[in-house]
C-alpha cells in the first residue's frame, strides 16, 4: 500500500463519508437516516483493506458547510480529488475506492424502503464524480 499524507487521507475520508451522507439526506427522516448511516458505515468498513485503512485513520470526517447545493458540490469535488489521489499512487486503490463508495451509496439507499428517485439521482452524481 502506498503512503498517504494526512491531507490525502483526510480528503479520501471526507469524500467517502460525504458521499454516504448525501445519499442519506436525499431521503429525509430520522429513522431512515439512522438505518442508512449504519448501512453506509458497514459497507465502508467491509471494503478492501487498502481503503478501510485510510478510512479508519485520523480523526472524524469534516462535513462540508453551506447550503445543500454547496455541500453537494464540495462532496463531488472531494470525490474527484480522492479518485485522483488514489490513482496517482498506481496501486489499484482508485478502483477499490470507487467500488467501495458505490457499494456504500447503494447500501444507504437500500436501507430504508428501497431506492427513491432522489437517492438514485445522488448515486448517479457520485458515480459521475468517480468516473
N, C-alpha and C. Protein backbone atom coordinates (compact mmCIF):
# COMPACT_ATOMS: atom_id res chain seq x y z
N UNK A 1 0.84 -1.18 0.00
CA UNK A 1 0.00 0.00 0.00
C UNK A 1 0.88 1.24 0.00
N UNK A 2 0.52 2.19 -0.84
CA UNK A 2 1.27 3.43 -0.94
C UNK A 2 1.07 4.26 0.33
N UNK A 3 2.04 5.11 0.60
CA UNK A 3 1.92 6.01 1.74
C UNK A 3 1.08 7.21 1.35
N UNK A 4 0.34 7.71 2.31
CA UNK A 4 -0.52 8.87 2.09
C UNK A 4 -0.19 9.92 3.13
N UNK A 5 -0.26 11.17 2.70
CA UNK A 5 -0.10 12.26 3.66
C UNK A 5 -1.39 12.38 4.47
N UNK A 6 -1.32 13.09 5.58
CA UNK A 6 -2.52 13.32 6.38
C UNK A 6 -3.59 14.03 5.55
N UNK A 7 -3.17 14.98 4.75
CA UNK A 7 -4.11 15.73 3.90
C UNK A 7 -4.80 14.81 2.89
N UNK A 8 -4.03 13.90 2.29
CA UNK A 8 -4.61 12.96 1.33
C UNK A 8 -5.61 12.04 2.03
N UNK A 9 -5.25 11.55 3.19
CA UNK A 9 -6.16 10.68 3.95
C UNK A 9 -7.44 11.44 4.31
N UNK A 10 -7.29 12.67 4.74
CA UNK A 10 -8.46 13.48 5.09
C UNK A 10 -9.37 13.67 3.88
N UNK A 11 -8.78 13.93 2.72
CA UNK A 11 -9.57 14.11 1.50
C UNK A 11 -10.35 12.85 1.17
N UNK A 12 -9.69 11.71 1.22
CA UNK A 12 -10.35 10.44 0.91
C UNK A 12 -11.45 10.14 1.92
N UNK A 13 -11.15 10.32 3.19
CA UNK A 13 -12.12 10.03 4.26
C UNK A 13 -13.32 10.98 4.17
N UNK A 14 -13.06 12.27 4.01
CA UNK A 14 -14.16 13.24 3.92
C UNK A 14 -15.05 12.96 2.71
N UNK A 15 -14.43 12.59 1.59
CA UNK A 15 -15.21 12.30 0.39
C UNK A 15 -16.08 11.06 0.59
N UNK A 16 -15.53 10.03 1.19
CA UNK A 16 -16.28 8.79 1.41
C UNK A 16 -17.50 9.02 2.30
N UNK A 17 -17.26 9.64 3.45
CA UNK A 17 -18.37 9.86 4.37
C UNK A 17 -19.32 10.93 3.85
N UNK A 18 -18.81 11.88 3.10
CA UNK A 18 -19.67 12.89 2.49
C UNK A 18 -20.63 12.28 1.48
N UNK A 19 -20.13 11.32 0.71
CA UNK A 19 -20.98 10.67 -0.30
C UNK A 19 -22.15 9.93 0.36
N UNK A 20 -21.87 9.16 1.42
CA UNK A 20 -22.97 8.43 2.04
C UNK A 20 -23.93 9.39 2.75
N UNK A 21 -23.41 10.49 3.26
CA UNK A 21 -24.28 11.48 3.90
C UNK A 21 -25.22 12.12 2.88
N UNK A 22 -24.71 12.40 1.69
CA UNK A 22 -25.57 13.00 0.66
C UNK A 22 -26.70 12.05 0.25
N UNK A 23 -26.37 10.78 0.10
CA UNK A 23 -27.41 9.81 -0.27
C UNK A 23 -28.44 9.72 0.85
N UNK A 24 -27.99 9.70 2.08
CA UNK A 24 -28.90 9.62 3.22
C UNK A 24 -29.81 10.84 3.31
N UNK A 25 -29.25 12.01 3.08
CA UNK A 25 -30.05 13.25 3.15
C UNK A 25 -31.08 13.34 2.03
N UNK A 26 -30.87 12.59 0.96
CA UNK A 26 -31.81 12.62 -0.16
C UNK A 26 -33.15 12.00 0.22
N UNK A 27 -33.16 11.20 1.28
CA UNK A 27 -34.39 10.56 1.76
C UNK A 27 -34.54 10.92 3.24
N UNK A 28 -35.13 12.07 3.54
CA UNK A 28 -35.16 12.56 4.92
C UNK A 28 -36.00 11.69 5.86
N UNK A 29 -35.73 11.87 7.13
CA UNK A 29 -36.44 11.14 8.17
C UNK A 29 -35.44 10.57 9.16
N UNK A 30 -35.72 10.74 10.45
CA UNK A 30 -34.77 10.32 11.48
C UNK A 30 -34.50 8.82 11.42
N UNK A 31 -35.55 8.02 11.40
CA UNK A 31 -35.35 6.56 11.39
C UNK A 31 -34.64 6.13 10.12
N UNK A 32 -35.03 6.71 8.99
CA UNK A 32 -34.36 6.40 7.73
C UNK A 32 -32.89 6.75 7.81
N UNK A 33 -32.59 7.93 8.32
CA UNK A 33 -31.20 8.38 8.41
C UNK A 33 -30.37 7.45 9.29
N UNK A 34 -30.95 7.01 10.39
CA UNK A 34 -30.24 6.11 11.29
C UNK A 34 -29.92 4.79 10.59
N UNK A 35 -30.92 4.18 9.96
CA UNK A 35 -30.72 2.92 9.25
C UNK A 35 -29.69 3.09 8.13
N UNK A 36 -29.80 4.20 7.42
CA UNK A 36 -28.92 4.44 6.28
C UNK A 36 -27.48 4.68 6.73
N UNK A 37 -27.29 5.40 7.81
CA UNK A 37 -25.94 5.64 8.32
C UNK A 37 -25.27 4.33 8.72
N UNK A 38 -26.02 3.47 9.38
CA UNK A 38 -25.48 2.16 9.76
C UNK A 38 -25.10 1.34 8.53
N UNK A 39 -25.98 1.34 7.54
CA UNK A 39 -25.72 0.56 6.33
C UNK A 39 -24.50 1.09 5.58
N UNK A 40 -24.39 2.41 5.49
CA UNK A 40 -23.25 3.01 4.80
C UNK A 40 -21.94 2.74 5.52
N UNK A 41 -21.95 2.90 6.83
CA UNK A 41 -20.74 2.66 7.62
C UNK A 41 -20.31 1.20 7.52
N UNK A 42 -21.28 0.30 7.57
CA UNK A 42 -20.96 -1.13 7.46
C UNK A 42 -20.34 -1.44 6.09
N UNK A 43 -20.89 -0.85 5.04
CA UNK A 43 -20.35 -1.09 3.70
C UNK A 43 -18.94 -0.52 3.57
N UNK A 44 -18.71 0.65 4.13
CA UNK A 44 -17.36 1.22 4.08
C UNK A 44 -16.37 0.36 4.86
N UNK A 45 -16.80 -0.15 5.99
CA UNK A 45 -15.92 -0.96 6.84
C UNK A 45 -15.60 -2.32 6.24
N UNK A 46 -16.45 -2.80 5.34
CA UNK A 46 -16.23 -4.12 4.76
C UNK A 46 -15.47 -4.05 3.43
N UNK A 47 -14.98 -2.88 3.08
CA UNK A 47 -14.24 -2.71 1.83
C UNK A 47 -12.86 -3.33 1.90
N UNK A 48 -12.13 -3.22 0.80
CA UNK A 48 -10.77 -3.75 0.76
C UNK A 48 -9.87 -3.09 1.81
N UNK A 49 -8.90 -3.83 2.27
CA UNK A 49 -8.01 -3.38 3.34
C UNK A 49 -7.37 -2.03 3.01
N UNK A 50 -6.93 -1.84 1.77
CA UNK A 50 -6.23 -0.59 1.43
C UNK A 50 -7.13 0.63 1.59
N UNK A 51 -8.43 0.43 1.47
CA UNK A 51 -9.37 1.54 1.63
C UNK A 51 -9.78 1.69 3.09
N UNK A 52 -10.09 0.59 3.75
CA UNK A 52 -10.53 0.69 5.15
C UNK A 52 -9.43 1.26 6.03
N UNK A 53 -8.17 1.00 5.71
CA UNK A 53 -7.07 1.57 6.49
C UNK A 53 -7.07 3.09 6.40
N UNK A 54 -7.34 3.61 5.22
CA UNK A 54 -7.40 5.07 5.04
C UNK A 54 -8.60 5.65 5.79
N UNK A 55 -9.73 4.99 5.68
CA UNK A 55 -10.96 5.50 6.29
C UNK A 55 -10.92 5.45 7.82
N UNK A 56 -10.21 4.51 8.38
CA UNK A 56 -10.14 4.37 9.83
C UNK A 56 -9.13 5.31 10.47
N UNK A 57 -8.17 5.76 9.71
CA UNK A 57 -7.12 6.61 10.25
C UNK A 57 -7.61 8.03 10.48
N UNK A 58 -6.86 8.76 11.30
CA UNK A 58 -7.17 10.17 11.51
C UNK A 58 -8.38 10.39 12.38
N UNK A 59 -8.83 11.61 12.40
CA UNK A 59 -9.98 11.99 13.21
C UNK A 59 -11.30 11.80 12.48
N UNK A 60 -12.27 12.51 12.96
CA UNK A 60 -13.60 12.45 12.35
C UNK A 60 -13.59 13.18 11.02
N UNK A 61 -14.44 12.74 10.09
CA UNK A 61 -14.54 13.45 8.81
C UNK A 61 -15.03 14.88 9.03
N UNK A 62 -14.64 15.76 8.14
CA UNK A 62 -15.07 17.16 8.18
C UNK A 62 -16.17 17.37 7.15
N UNK A 63 -17.43 17.45 7.61
CA UNK A 63 -18.51 17.64 6.64
C UNK A 63 -18.44 19.01 6.00
N UNK A 64 -18.83 19.10 4.74
CA UNK A 64 -18.83 20.41 4.08
C UNK A 64 -19.91 21.31 4.68
N UNK A 65 -19.72 22.59 4.53
CA UNK A 65 -20.68 23.55 5.06
C UNK A 65 -21.37 24.27 3.91
N UNK A 66 -22.36 25.07 4.26
CA UNK A 66 -23.09 25.85 3.27
C UNK A 66 -24.46 25.27 3.01
N UNK A 67 -25.10 25.81 1.99
CA UNK A 67 -26.43 25.33 1.64
C UNK A 67 -26.31 23.96 0.98
N UNK A 68 -27.43 23.27 0.79
CA UNK A 68 -27.36 21.91 0.22
C UNK A 68 -26.60 21.82 -1.10
N UNK A 69 -26.78 22.80 -1.97
CA UNK A 69 -26.08 22.76 -3.26
C UNK A 69 -24.57 22.89 -3.07
N UNK A 70 -24.15 23.75 -2.16
CA UNK A 70 -22.72 23.93 -1.89
C UNK A 70 -22.13 22.67 -1.26
N UNK A 71 -22.88 22.04 -0.36
CA UNK A 71 -22.39 20.80 0.26
C UNK A 71 -22.24 19.71 -0.80
N UNK A 72 -23.23 19.60 -1.67
CA UNK A 72 -23.15 18.58 -2.73
C UNK A 72 -21.97 18.84 -3.64
N UNK A 73 -21.78 20.08 -4.02
CA UNK A 73 -20.66 20.42 -4.90
C UNK A 73 -19.33 20.10 -4.22
N UNK A 74 -19.21 20.39 -2.94
CA UNK A 74 -17.98 20.11 -2.20
C UNK A 74 -17.70 18.61 -2.14
N UNK A 75 -18.74 17.81 -1.90
CA UNK A 75 -18.55 16.36 -1.83
C UNK A 75 -18.16 15.81 -3.20
N UNK A 76 -18.81 16.25 -4.25
CA UNK A 76 -18.48 15.75 -5.59
C UNK A 76 -17.05 16.12 -5.97
N UNK A 77 -16.64 17.35 -5.64
CA UNK A 77 -15.26 17.76 -5.91
C UNK A 77 -14.29 16.92 -5.07
N UNK A 78 -14.66 16.65 -3.83
CA UNK A 78 -13.83 15.82 -2.96
C UNK A 78 -13.69 14.41 -3.49
N UNK A 79 -14.78 13.85 -4.01
CA UNK A 79 -14.71 12.51 -4.59
C UNK A 79 -13.75 12.48 -5.78
N UNK A 80 -13.81 13.50 -6.61
CA UNK A 80 -12.90 13.56 -7.76
C UNK A 80 -11.45 13.70 -7.32
N UNK A 81 -11.20 14.55 -6.31
CA UNK A 81 -9.84 14.70 -5.78
C UNK A 81 -9.35 13.39 -5.16
N UNK A 82 -10.22 12.72 -4.40
CA UNK A 82 -9.84 11.45 -3.79
C UNK A 82 -9.50 10.42 -4.86
N UNK A 83 -10.30 10.36 -5.90
CA UNK A 83 -10.02 9.44 -7.01
C UNK A 83 -8.66 9.74 -7.62
N UNK A 84 -8.36 11.02 -7.83
CA UNK A 84 -7.08 11.41 -8.42
C UNK A 84 -5.91 11.07 -7.50
N UNK A 85 -6.07 11.32 -6.21
CA UNK A 85 -5.03 11.00 -5.23
C UNK A 85 -4.72 9.51 -5.28
N UNK A 86 -5.77 8.71 -5.26
CA UNK A 86 -5.59 7.25 -5.25
C UNK A 86 -5.04 6.75 -6.58
N UNK A 87 -5.48 7.32 -7.67
CA UNK A 87 -4.99 6.91 -8.99
C UNK A 87 -3.50 7.21 -9.13
N UNK A 88 -3.06 8.31 -8.55
CA UNK A 88 -1.64 8.70 -8.64
C UNK A 88 -0.74 7.71 -7.92
N UNK A 89 -1.28 6.98 -6.96
CA UNK A 89 -0.48 6.01 -6.23
C UNK A 89 -0.18 4.78 -7.07
N UNK A 90 -1.00 4.53 -8.09
CA UNK A 90 -0.75 3.43 -9.01
C UNK A 90 -0.81 2.05 -8.41
N UNK A 91 -1.56 1.90 -7.33
CA UNK A 91 -1.61 0.59 -6.66
C UNK A 91 -2.98 -0.08 -6.75
N UNK A 92 -3.85 0.45 -7.58
CA UNK A 92 -5.19 -0.13 -7.73
C UNK A 92 -6.19 0.37 -6.72
N UNK A 93 -5.77 1.24 -5.82
CA UNK A 93 -6.69 1.70 -4.78
C UNK A 93 -7.79 2.62 -5.32
N UNK A 94 -7.56 3.26 -6.46
CA UNK A 94 -8.60 4.14 -7.02
C UNK A 94 -9.83 3.32 -7.42
N UNK A 95 -9.61 2.20 -8.05
CA UNK A 95 -10.74 1.33 -8.44
C UNK A 95 -11.40 0.72 -7.21
N UNK A 96 -10.60 0.36 -6.23
CA UNK A 96 -11.15 -0.19 -4.98
C UNK A 96 -12.01 0.86 -4.29
N UNK A 97 -11.54 2.10 -4.26
CA UNK A 97 -12.28 3.19 -3.65
C UNK A 97 -13.61 3.40 -4.37
N UNK A 98 -13.56 3.44 -5.68
CA UNK A 98 -14.79 3.61 -6.46
C UNK A 98 -15.80 2.52 -6.13
N UNK A 99 -15.36 1.29 -6.08
CA UNK A 99 -16.25 0.18 -5.77
C UNK A 99 -16.85 0.29 -4.38
N UNK A 100 -16.02 0.64 -3.40
CA UNK A 100 -16.49 0.76 -2.02
C UNK A 100 -17.52 1.88 -1.90
N UNK A 101 -17.23 3.01 -2.51
CA UNK A 101 -18.13 4.16 -2.40
C UNK A 101 -19.47 3.85 -3.07
N UNK A 102 -19.43 3.27 -4.24
CA UNK A 102 -20.69 2.96 -4.93
C UNK A 102 -21.48 1.89 -4.17
N UNK A 103 -20.79 0.93 -3.60
CA UNK A 103 -21.46 -0.10 -2.80
C UNK A 103 -22.09 0.52 -1.55
N UNK A 104 -21.36 1.41 -0.90
CA UNK A 104 -21.88 2.07 0.30
C UNK A 104 -23.07 2.96 -0.04
N UNK A 105 -22.98 3.70 -1.14
CA UNK A 105 -24.08 4.57 -1.55
C UNK A 105 -25.34 3.74 -1.83
N UNK A 106 -25.16 2.61 -2.49
CA UNK A 106 -26.30 1.73 -2.77
C UNK A 106 -26.87 1.16 -1.48
N UNK A 107 -26.00 0.77 -0.55
CA UNK A 107 -26.46 0.22 0.72
C UNK A 107 -27.27 1.25 1.50
N UNK A 108 -26.82 2.49 1.47
CA UNK A 108 -27.55 3.58 2.14
C UNK A 108 -28.94 3.72 1.52
N UNK A 109 -28.99 3.76 0.21
CA UNK A 109 -30.27 3.94 -0.48
C UNK A 109 -31.21 2.76 -0.24
N UNK A 110 -30.67 1.56 -0.18
CA UNK A 110 -31.49 0.36 0.02
C UNK A 110 -31.96 0.17 1.46
N UNK A 111 -31.34 0.86 2.40
CA UNK A 111 -31.56 0.60 3.82
C UNK A 111 -32.96 0.92 4.32
N UNK A 112 -33.65 1.82 3.68
CA UNK A 112 -34.95 2.23 4.18
C UNK A 112 -35.94 2.36 3.04
N UNK A 113 -36.79 1.38 2.90
CA UNK A 113 -37.88 1.42 1.92
C UNK A 113 -37.44 1.52 0.47
N UNK A 114 -36.33 0.96 0.13
CA UNK A 114 -35.89 0.95 -1.26
C UNK A 114 -35.29 2.27 -1.71
N UNK A 115 -34.88 2.32 -2.95
CA UNK A 115 -34.18 3.47 -3.51
C UNK A 115 -35.19 4.47 -4.06
N UNK A 116 -35.17 5.67 -3.52
CA UNK A 116 -36.05 6.73 -4.02
C UNK A 116 -35.40 7.36 -5.25
N UNK A 117 -36.20 8.03 -6.08
CA UNK A 117 -35.62 8.73 -7.23
C UNK A 117 -34.57 9.77 -6.82
N UNK A 118 -34.77 10.41 -5.68
CA UNK A 118 -33.81 11.41 -5.20
C UNK A 118 -32.49 10.75 -4.81
N UNK A 119 -32.58 9.59 -4.16
CA UNK A 119 -31.37 8.86 -3.80
C UNK A 119 -30.63 8.38 -5.05
N UNK A 120 -31.39 7.88 -6.03
CA UNK A 120 -30.76 7.41 -7.27
C UNK A 120 -30.06 8.56 -7.98
N UNK A 121 -30.65 9.74 -7.95
CA UNK A 121 -30.02 10.91 -8.58
C UNK A 121 -28.67 11.22 -7.93
N UNK A 122 -28.61 11.12 -6.60
CA UNK A 122 -27.35 11.37 -5.90
C UNK A 122 -26.34 10.28 -6.24
N UNK A 123 -26.77 9.03 -6.25
CA UNK A 123 -25.87 7.93 -6.61
C UNK A 123 -25.30 8.15 -8.01
N UNK A 124 -26.12 8.58 -8.94
CA UNK A 124 -25.66 8.85 -10.29
C UNK A 124 -24.60 9.96 -10.30
N UNK A 125 -24.78 10.98 -9.49
CA UNK A 125 -23.79 12.06 -9.39
C UNK A 125 -22.50 11.56 -8.77
N UNK A 126 -22.62 10.71 -7.77
CA UNK A 126 -21.42 10.12 -7.15
C UNK A 126 -20.66 9.29 -8.19
N UNK A 127 -21.39 8.48 -8.92
CA UNK A 127 -20.76 7.65 -9.97
C UNK A 127 -20.03 8.53 -10.98
N UNK A 128 -20.66 9.63 -11.39
CA UNK A 128 -20.04 10.54 -12.36
C UNK A 128 -18.78 11.19 -11.78
N UNK A 129 -18.82 11.56 -10.50
CA UNK A 129 -17.64 12.18 -9.87
C UNK A 129 -16.48 11.21 -9.78
N UNK A 130 -16.77 9.94 -9.70
CA UNK A 130 -15.72 8.92 -9.58
C UNK A 130 -15.23 8.40 -10.93
N UNK A 131 -15.92 8.78 -12.00
CA UNK A 131 -15.58 8.26 -13.34
C UNK A 131 -14.27 8.86 -13.85
